[in-house]
Amino acid sequence: MKTVPDGIFKPKPNSSELKSDLTTRVARQILDGEKAEREAKTERLRQARLARETAAAAATPAKPKAVRAKRRAAAG
């Protein structure tokens, strides 16, 4: 039995399909790149915020609790 060469039974895409595929692929690459940049920036800002909060918590001394005097009931 003979082997069938590739491309005989598959329809060949026309030029408009090739252009739309190229456009779609390029658009997805751009969007994926923007998404990666956005996620990297978000992570960088999150780390900076956590570091700032940690430094602020360490710099602020803890306030001692105010001790209230107990009231004595007046006798009489």
PDB file of N, CA and C in Angstrom:
ATOM      1  N   MET A   1       0.842  -1.165   0.000  1.00  0.00           N
ATOM      2  CA  MET A   1       0.000   0.000   0.000  1.00  0.00           C
ATOM      3  C   MET A   1       0.889   1.230   0.000  1.00  0.00           C
ATOM      4  N   LYS A   2       0.529   2.196  -0.805  1.00  0.00           N
ATOM      5  CA  LYS A   2       1.321   3.413  -0.918  1.00  0.00           C
ATOM      6  C   LYS A   2       0.926   4.402   0.171  1.00  0.00           C
ATOM      7  N   THR A   3       1.889   5.178   0.611  1.00  0.00           N
ATOM      8  CA  THR A   3       1.601   6.218   1.590  1.00  0.00           C
ATOM      9  C   THR A   3       1.140   7.471   0.865  1.00  0.00           C
ATOM     10  N   VAL A   4       0.230   8.163   1.492  1.00  0.00           N
ATOM     11  CA  VAL A   4      -0.328   9.372   0.900  1.00  0.00           C
ATOM     12  C   VAL A   4       0.536  10.561   1.339  1.00  0.00           C
ATOM     13  N   PRO A   5       1.010  11.356   0.404  1.00  0.00           N
ATOM     14  CA  PRO A   5       1.810  12.522   0.780  1.00  0.00           C
ATOM     15  C   PRO A   5       0.975  13.536   1.570  1.00  0.00           C
ATOM     16  N   ASP A   6       1.646  14.244   2.435  1.00  0.00           N
ATOM     17  CA  ASP A   6       0.971  15.245   3.248  1.00  0.00           C
ATOM     18  C   ASP A   6       0.418  16.366   2.372  1.00  0.00           C
ATOM     19  N   GLY A   7      -0.713  16.877   2.732  1.00  0.00           N
ATOM     20  CA  GLY A   7      -1.287  18.022   2.049  1.00  0.00           C
ATOM     21  C   GLY A   7      -2.231  17.691   0.916  1.00  0.00           C
ATOM     22  N   ILE A   8      -2.425  16.433   0.597  1.00  0.00           N
ATOM     23  CA  ILE A   8      -3.304  16.101  -0.522  1.00  0.00           C
ATOM     24  C   ILE A   8      -4.765  16.260  -0.126  1.00  0.00           C
ATOM     25  N   PHE A   9      -5.142  15.745   1.036  1.00  0.00           N
ATOM     26  CA  PHE A   9      -6.544  15.780   1.422  1.00  0.00           C
ATOM     27  C   PHE A   9      -6.882  16.930   2.377  1.00  0.00           C
ATOM     28  N   LYS A  10      -5.888  17.647   2.818  1.00  0.00           N
ATOM     29  CA  LYS A  10      -6.139  18.776   3.701  1.00  0.00           C
ATOM     30  C   LYS A  10      -6.333  20.033   2.853  1.00  0.00           C
ATOM     31  N   PRO A  11      -7.356  20.809   3.162  1.00  0.00           N
ATOM     32  CA  PRO A  11      -7.527  22.047   2.400  1.00  0.00           C
ATOM     33  C   PRO A  11      -6.420  23.025   2.762  1.00  0.00           C
ATOM     34  N   LYS A  12      -5.911  23.679   1.750  1.00  0.00           N
ATOM     35  CA  LYS A  12      -4.852  24.649   1.980  1.00  0.00           C
ATOM     36  C   LYS A  12      -5.501  25.981   2.354  1.00  0.00           C
ATOM     37  N   PRO A  13      -5.005  26.619   3.395  1.00  0.00           N
ATOM     38  CA  PRO A  13      -5.591  27.893   3.796  1.00  0.00           C
ATOM     39  C   PRO A  13      -5.299  28.974   2.758  1.00  0.00           C
ATOM     40  N   ASN A  14      -6.286  29.848   2.571  1.00  0.00           N
ATOM     41  CA  ASN A  14      -6.059  30.938   1.629  1.00  0.00           C
ATOM     42  C   ASN A  14      -5.303  32.066   2.323  1.00  0.00           C
ATOM     43  N   SER A  15      -4.974  33.093   1.581  1.00  0.00           N
ATOM     44  CA  SER A  15      -4.121  34.146   2.125  1.00  0.00           C
ATOM     45  C   SER A  15      -4.817  34.926   3.242  1.00  0.00           C
ATOM     46  N   SER A  16      -6.150  35.091   3.165  1.00  0.00           N
ATOM     47  CA  SER A  16      -6.834  35.828   4.225  1.00  0.00           C
ATOM     48  C   SER A  16      -6.815  35.043   5.528  1.00  0.00           C
ATOM     49  N   GLU A  17      -6.898  33.718   5.460  1.00  0.00           N
ATOM     50  CA  GLU A  17      -6.810  32.900   6.663  1.00  0.00           C
ATOM     51  C   GLU A  17      -5.409  32.970   7.258  1.00  0.00           C
ATOM     52  N   LEU A  18      -4.410  32.986   6.401  1.00  0.00           N
ATOM     53  CA  LEU A  18      -3.040  33.084   6.889  1.00  0.00           C
ATOM     54  C   LEU A  18      -2.822  34.421   7.593  1.00  0.00           C
ATOM     55  N   LYS A  19      -3.356  35.500   7.037  1.00  0.00           N
ATOM     56  CA  LYS A  19      -3.195  36.826   7.640  1.00  0.00           C
ATOM     57  C   LYS A  19      -3.934  36.907   8.973  1.00  0.00           C
ATOM     58  N   SER A  20      -5.135  36.349   9.033  1.00  0.00           N
ATOM     59  CA  SER A  20      -5.885  36.401  10.287  1.00  0.00           C
ATOM     60  C   SER A  20      -5.217  35.554  11.361  1.00  0.00           C
ATOM     61  N   ASP A  21      -4.656  34.420  10.968  1.00  0.00           N
ATOM     62  CA  ASP A  21      -3.936  33.587  11.928  1.00  0.00           C
ATOM     63  C   ASP A  21      -2.705  34.321  12.454  1.00  0.00           C
ATOM     64  N   LEU A  22      -2.010  34.985  11.575  1.00  0.00           N
ATOM     65  CA  LEU A  22      -0.832  35.745  11.969  1.00  0.00           C
ATOM     66  C   LEU A  22      -1.231  36.873  12.917  1.00  0.00           C
ATOM     67  N   THR A  23      -2.305  37.577  12.585  1.00  0.00           N
ATOM     68  CA  THR A  23      -2.785  38.674  13.425  1.00  0.00           C
ATOM     69  C   THR A  23      -3.191  38.164  14.802  1.00  0.00           C
ATOM     70  N   THR A  24      -3.890  37.058  14.832  1.00  0.00           N
ATOM     71  CA  THR A  24      -4.313  36.470  16.101  1.00  0.00           C
ATOM     72  C   THR A  24      -3.114  36.069  16.939  1.00  0.00           C
ATOM     73  N   ARG A  25      -2.147  35.431  16.328  1.00  0.00           N
ATOM     74  CA  ARG A  25      -0.961  34.977  17.039  1.00  0.00           C
ATOM     75  C   ARG A  25      -0.174  36.165  17.610  1.00  0.00           C
ATOM     76  N   VAL A  26      -0.002  37.214  16.813  1.00  0.00           N
ATOM     77  CA  VAL A  26       0.739  38.387  17.268  1.00  0.00           C
ATOM     78  C   VAL A  26      -0.024  39.095  18.394  1.00  0.00           C
ATOM     79  N   ALA A  27      -1.338  39.215  18.255  1.00  0.00           N
ATOM     80  CA  ALA A  27      -2.145  39.865  19.287  1.00  0.00           C
ATOM     81  C   ALA A  27      -2.056  39.093  20.599  1.00  0.00           C
ATOM     82  N   ARG A  28      -2.094  37.791  20.528  1.00  0.00           N
ATOM     83  CA  ARG A  28      -1.994  36.979  21.746  1.00  0.00           C
ATOM     84  C   ARG A  28      -0.624  37.104  22.387  1.00  0.00           C
ATOM     85  N   GLN A  29       0.419  37.188  21.562  1.00  0.00           N
ATOM     86  CA  GLN A  29       1.758  37.374  22.107  1.00  0.00           C
ATOM     87  C   GLN A  29       1.856  38.708  22.840  1.00  0.00           C
ATOM     88  N   ILE A  30       1.289  39.754  22.255  1.00  0.00           N
ATOM     89  CA  ILE A  30       1.316  41.073  22.886  1.00  0.00           C
ATOM     90  C   ILE A  30       0.549  41.035  24.203  1.00  0.00           C
ATOM     91  N   LEU A  31      -0.645  40.460  24.186  1.00  0.00           N
ATOM     92  CA  LEU A  31      -1.457  40.392  25.404  1.00  0.00           C
ATOM     93  C   LEU A  31      -0.792  39.550  26.485  1.00  0.00           C
ATOM     94  N   ASP A  32      -0.185  38.443  26.091  1.00  0.00           N
ATOM     95  CA  ASP A  32       0.508  37.602  27.067  1.00  0.00           C
ATOM     96  C   ASP A  32       1.703  38.339  27.668  1.00  0.00           C
ATOM     97  N   GLY A  33       2.413  39.097  26.845  1.00  0.00           N
ATOM     98  CA  GLY A  33       3.538  39.884  27.344  1.00  0.00           C
ATOM     99  C   GLY A  33       3.084  40.948  28.327  1.00  0.00           C
ATOM    100  N   GLU A  34       1.989  41.639  28.005  1.00  0.00           N
ATOM    101  CA  GLU A  34       1.447  42.661  28.904  1.00  0.00           C
ATOM    102  C   GLU A  34       0.976  42.036  30.215  1.00  0.00           C
ATOM    103  N   LYS A  35       0.374  40.859  30.128  1.00  0.00           N
ATOM    104  CA  LYS A  35      -0.098  40.179  31.331  1.00  0.00           C
ATOM    105  C   LYS A  35       1.084  39.800  32.216  1.00  0.00           C
ATOM    106  N   ALA A  36       2.148  39.304  31.619  1.00  0.00           N
ATOM    107  CA  ALA A  36       3.332  38.922  32.394  1.00  0.00           C
ATOM    108  C   ALA A  36       3.945  40.149  33.066  1.00  0.00           C
ATOM    109  N   GLU A  37       4.021  41.271  32.343  1.00  0.00           N
ATOM    110  CA  GLU A  37       4.556  42.499  32.926  1.00  0.00           C
ATOM    111  C   GLU A  37       3.684  42.982  34.084  1.00  0.00           C
ATOM    112  N   ARG A  38       2.369  42.927  33.893  1.00  0.00           N
ATOM    113  CA  ARG A  38       1.433  43.373  34.927  1.00  0.00           C
ATOM    114  C   ARG A  38       1.560  42.507  36.177  1.00  0.00           C
ATOM    115  N   GLU A  39       1.662  41.196  36.007  1.00  0.00           N
ATOM    116  CA  GLU A  39       1.798  40.299  37.154  1.00  0.00           C
ATOM    117  C   GLU A  39       3.129  40.502  37.868  1.00  0.00           C
ATOM    118  N   ALA A  40       4.200  40.760  37.103  1.00  0.00           N
ATOM    119  CA  ALA A  40       5.507  41.011  37.712  1.00  0.00           C
ATOM    120  C   ALA A  40       5.470  42.311  38.513  1.00  0.00           C
ATOM    121  N   LYS A  41       4.838  43.337  37.975  1.00  0.00           N
ATOM    122  CA  LYS A  41       4.730  44.617  38.680  1.00  0.00           C
ATOM    123  C   LYS A  41       3.896  44.454  39.946  1.00  0.00           C
ATOM    124  N   THR A  42       2.800  43.721  39.847  1.00  0.00           N
ATOM    125  CA  THR A  42       1.944  43.503  41.010  1.00  0.00           C
ATOM    126  C   THR A  42       2.717  42.785  42.109  1.00  0.00           C
ATOM    127  N   GLU A  43       3.473  41.778  41.757  1.00  0.00           N
ATOM    128  CA  GLU A  43       4.251  41.027  42.744  1.00  0.00           C
ATOM    129  C   GLU A  43       5.325  41.918  43.364  1.00  0.00           C
ATOM    130  N   ARG A  44       5.989  42.744  42.543  1.00  0.00           N
ATOM    131  CA  ARG A  44       7.019  43.642  43.044  1.00  0.00           C
ATOM    132  C   ARG A  44       6.414  44.649  44.032  1.00  0.00           C
ATOM    133  N   LEU A  45       5.268  45.215  43.687  1.00  0.00           N
ATOM    134  CA  LEU A  45       4.605  46.171  44.569  1.00  0.00           C
ATOM    135  C   LEU A  45       4.110  45.506  45.846  1.00  0.00           C
ATOM    136  N   ARG A  46       3.636  44.278  45.743  1.00  0.00           N
ATOM    137  CA  ARG A  46       3.180  43.544  46.934  1.00  0.00           C
ATOM    138  C   ARG A  46       4.343  43.331  47.896  1.00  0.00           C
ATOM    139  N   GLN A  47       5.497  42.915  47.345  1.00  0.00           N
ATOM    140  CA  GLN A  47       6.668  42.697  48.194  1.00  0.00           C
ATOM    141  C   GLN A  47       7.116  44.002  48.854  1.00  0.00           C
ATOM    142  N   ALA A  48       7.076  45.106  48.107  1.00  0.00           N
ATOM    143  CA  ALA A  48       7.459  46.402  48.669  1.00  0.00           C
ATOM    144  C   ALA A  48       6.491  46.818  49.782  1.00  0.00           C
ATOM    145  N   ARG A  49       5.198  46.602  49.576  1.00  0.00           N
ATOM    146  CA  ARG A  49       4.203  46.951  50.595  1.00  0.00           C
ATOM    147  C   ARG A  49       4.408  46.127  51.853  1.00  0.00           C
ATOM    148  N   LEU A  50       4.635  44.828  51.706  1.00  0.00           N
ATOM    149  CA  LEU A  50       4.849  43.976  52.866  1.00  0.00           C
ATOM    150  C   LEU A  50       6.117  44.381  53.622  1.00  0.00           C
ATOM    151  N   ALA A  51       7.168  44.741  52.901  1.00  0.00           N
ATOM    152  CA  ALA A  51       8.399  45.187  53.549  1.00  0.00           C
ATOM    153  C   ALA A  51       8.167  46.489  54.291  1.00  0.00           C
ATOM    154  N   ARG A  52       7.414  47.401  53.683  1.00  0.00           N
ATOM    155  CA  ARG A  52       7.128  48.682  54.322  1.00  0.00           C
ATOM    156  C   ARG A  52       6.285  48.469  55.586  1.00  0.00           C
ATOM    157  N   GLU A  53       5.281  47.590  55.514  1.00  0.00           N
ATOM    158  CA  GLU A  53       4.444  47.318  56.677  1.00  0.00           C
ATOM    159  C   GLU A  53       5.245  46.669  57.791  1.00  0.00           C
ATOM    160  N   THR A  54       6.158  45.778  57.443  1.00  0.00           N
ATOM    161  CA  THR A  54       6.993  45.120  58.443  1.00  0.00           C
ATOM    162  C   THR A  54       7.910  46.134  59.108  1.00  0.00           C
ATOM    163  N   ALA A  55       8.503  47.023  58.319  1.00  0.00           N
ATOM    164  CA  ALA A  55       9.388  48.046  58.873  1.00  0.00           C
ATOM    165  C   ALA A  55       8.604  49.013  59.762  1.00  0.00           C
ATOM    166  N   ALA A  56       7.415  49.371  59.358  1.00  0.00           N
ATOM    167  CA  ALA A  56       6.595  50.291  60.147  1.00  0.00           C
ATOM    168  C   ALA A  56       6.172  49.641  61.460  1.00  0.00           C
ATOM    169  N   ALA A  57       5.855  48.367  61.428  1.00  0.00           N
ATOM    170  CA  ALA A  57       5.447  47.661  62.649  1.00  0.00           C
ATOM    171  C   ALA A  57       6.628  47.529  63.611  1.00  0.00           C
ATOM    172  N   ALA A  58       7.820  47.338  63.080  1.00  0.00           N
ATOM    173  CA  ALA A  58       8.996  47.200  63.928  1.00  0.00           C
ATOM    174  C   ALA A  58       9.405  48.551  64.508  1.00  0.00           C
ATOM    175  N   ALA A  59       9.178  49.632  63.787  1.00  0.00           N
ATOM    176  CA  ALA A  59       9.587  50.962  64.237  1.00  0.00           C
ATOM    177  C   ALA A  59       8.621  51.536  65.270  1.00  0.00           C
ATOM    178  N   THR A  60       7.387  51.142  65.233  1.00  0.00           N
ATOM    179  CA  THR A  60       6.387  51.672  66.153  1.00  0.00           C
ATOM    180  C   THR A  60       6.437  50.881  67.454  1.00  0.00           C
ATOM    181  N   PRO A  61       6.735  51.566  68.586  1.00  0.00           N
ATOM    182  CA  PRO A  61       6.754  50.820  69.853  1.00  0.00           C
ATOM    183  C   PRO A  61       5.330  50.476  70.270  1.00  0.00           C
ATOM    184  N   ALA A  62       5.218  49.346  70.910  1.00  0.00           N
ATOM    185  CA  ALA A  62       3.905  48.908  71.364  1.00  0.00           C
ATOM    186  C   ALA A  62       3.497  49.754  72.565  1.00  0.00           C
ATOM    187  N   LYS A  63       2.277  50.236  72.578  1.00  0.00           N
ATOM    188  CA  LYS A  63       1.778  51.042  73.684  1.00  0.00           C
ATOM    189  C   LYS A  63       1.347  50.103  74.806  1.00  0.00           C
ATOM    190  N   PRO A  64       1.751  50.442  76.025  1.00  0.00           N
ATOM    191  CA  PRO A  64       1.280  49.605  77.136  1.00  0.00           C
ATOM    192  C   PRO A  64      -0.205  49.871  77.374  1.00  0.00           C
ATOM    193  N   LYS A  65      -0.884  48.857  77.824  1.00  0.00           N
ATOM    194  CA  LYS A  65      -2.310  49.020  78.084  1.00  0.00           C
ATOM    195  C   LYS A  65      -2.503  49.911  79.297  1.00  0.00           C
ATOM    196  N   ALA A  66      -3.475  50.778  79.216  1.00  0.00           N
ATOM    197  CA  ALA A  66      -3.780  51.641  80.338  1.00  0.00           C
ATOM    198  C   ALA A  66      -4.474  50.805  81.409  1.00  0.00           C
ATOM    199  N   VAL A  67      -4.014  50.959  82.626  1.00  0.00           N
ATOM    200  CA  VAL A  67      -4.591  50.205  83.722  1.00  0.00           C
ATOM    201  C   VAL A  67      -5.604  51.109  84.405  1.00  0.00           C
ATOM    202  N   ARG A  68      -6.808  50.644  84.453  1.00  0.00           N
ATOM    203  CA  ARG A  68      -7.863  51.424  85.105  1.00  0.00           C
ATOM    204  C   ARG A  68      -7.890  51.110  86.592  1.00  0.00           C
ATOM    205  N   ALA A  69      -8.099  52.152  87.354  1.00  0.00           N
ATOM    206  CA  ALA A  69      -8.203  51.958  88.795  1.00  0.00           C
ATOM    207  C   ALA A  69      -9.588  51.409  89.096  1.00  0.00           C
ATOM    208  N   LYS A  70      -9.635  50.486  90.003  1.00  0.00           N
ATOM    209  CA  LYS A  70     -10.922  49.911  90.377  1.00  0.00           C
ATOM    210  C   LYS A  70     -11.652  50.893  91.289  1.00  0.00           C
ATOM    211  N   ARG A  71     -12.894  51.050  91.082  1.00  0.00           N
ATOM    212  CA  ARG A  71     -13.695  51.914  91.932  1.00  0.00           C
ATOM    213  C   ARG A  71     -14.138  51.119  93.162  1.00  0.00           C
ATOM    214  N   ARG A  72     -14.033  51.790  94.271  1.00  0.00           N
ATOM    215  CA  ARG A  72     -14.485  51.155  95.491  1.00  0.00           C
ATOM    216  C   ARG A  72     -15.900  51.628  95.758  1.00  0.00           C
ATOM    217  N   ALA A  73     -16.699  50.750  96.166  1.00  0.00           N
ATOM    218  CA  ALA A  73     -18.081  51.117  96.506  1.00  0.00           C
ATOM    219  C   ALA A  73     -18.069  51.929  97.781  1.00  0.00           C
ATOM    220  N   ALA A  74     -18.776  53.028  97.780  1.00  0.00           N
ATOM    221  CA  ALA A  74     -18.830  53.888  98.966  1.00  0.00           C
ATOM    222  C   ALA A  74     -19.649  53.209 100.037  1.00  0.00           C
ATOM    223  N   ALA A  75     -19.079  53.089 101.196  1.00  0.00           N
ATOM    224  CA  ALA A  75     -19.784  52.429 102.295  1.00  0.00           C
ATOM    225  C   ALA A  75     -20.596  53.459 103.061  1.00  0.00           C
ATOM    226  N   GLY A  76     -21.814  53.247 103.126  1.00  0.00           N
ATOM    227  CA  GLY A  76     -22.559  54.051 104.044  1.00  0.00           C
ATOM    228  C   GLY A  76     -23.655  54.808 103.595  1.00  0.00           C
TER     229      GLY A  76
END
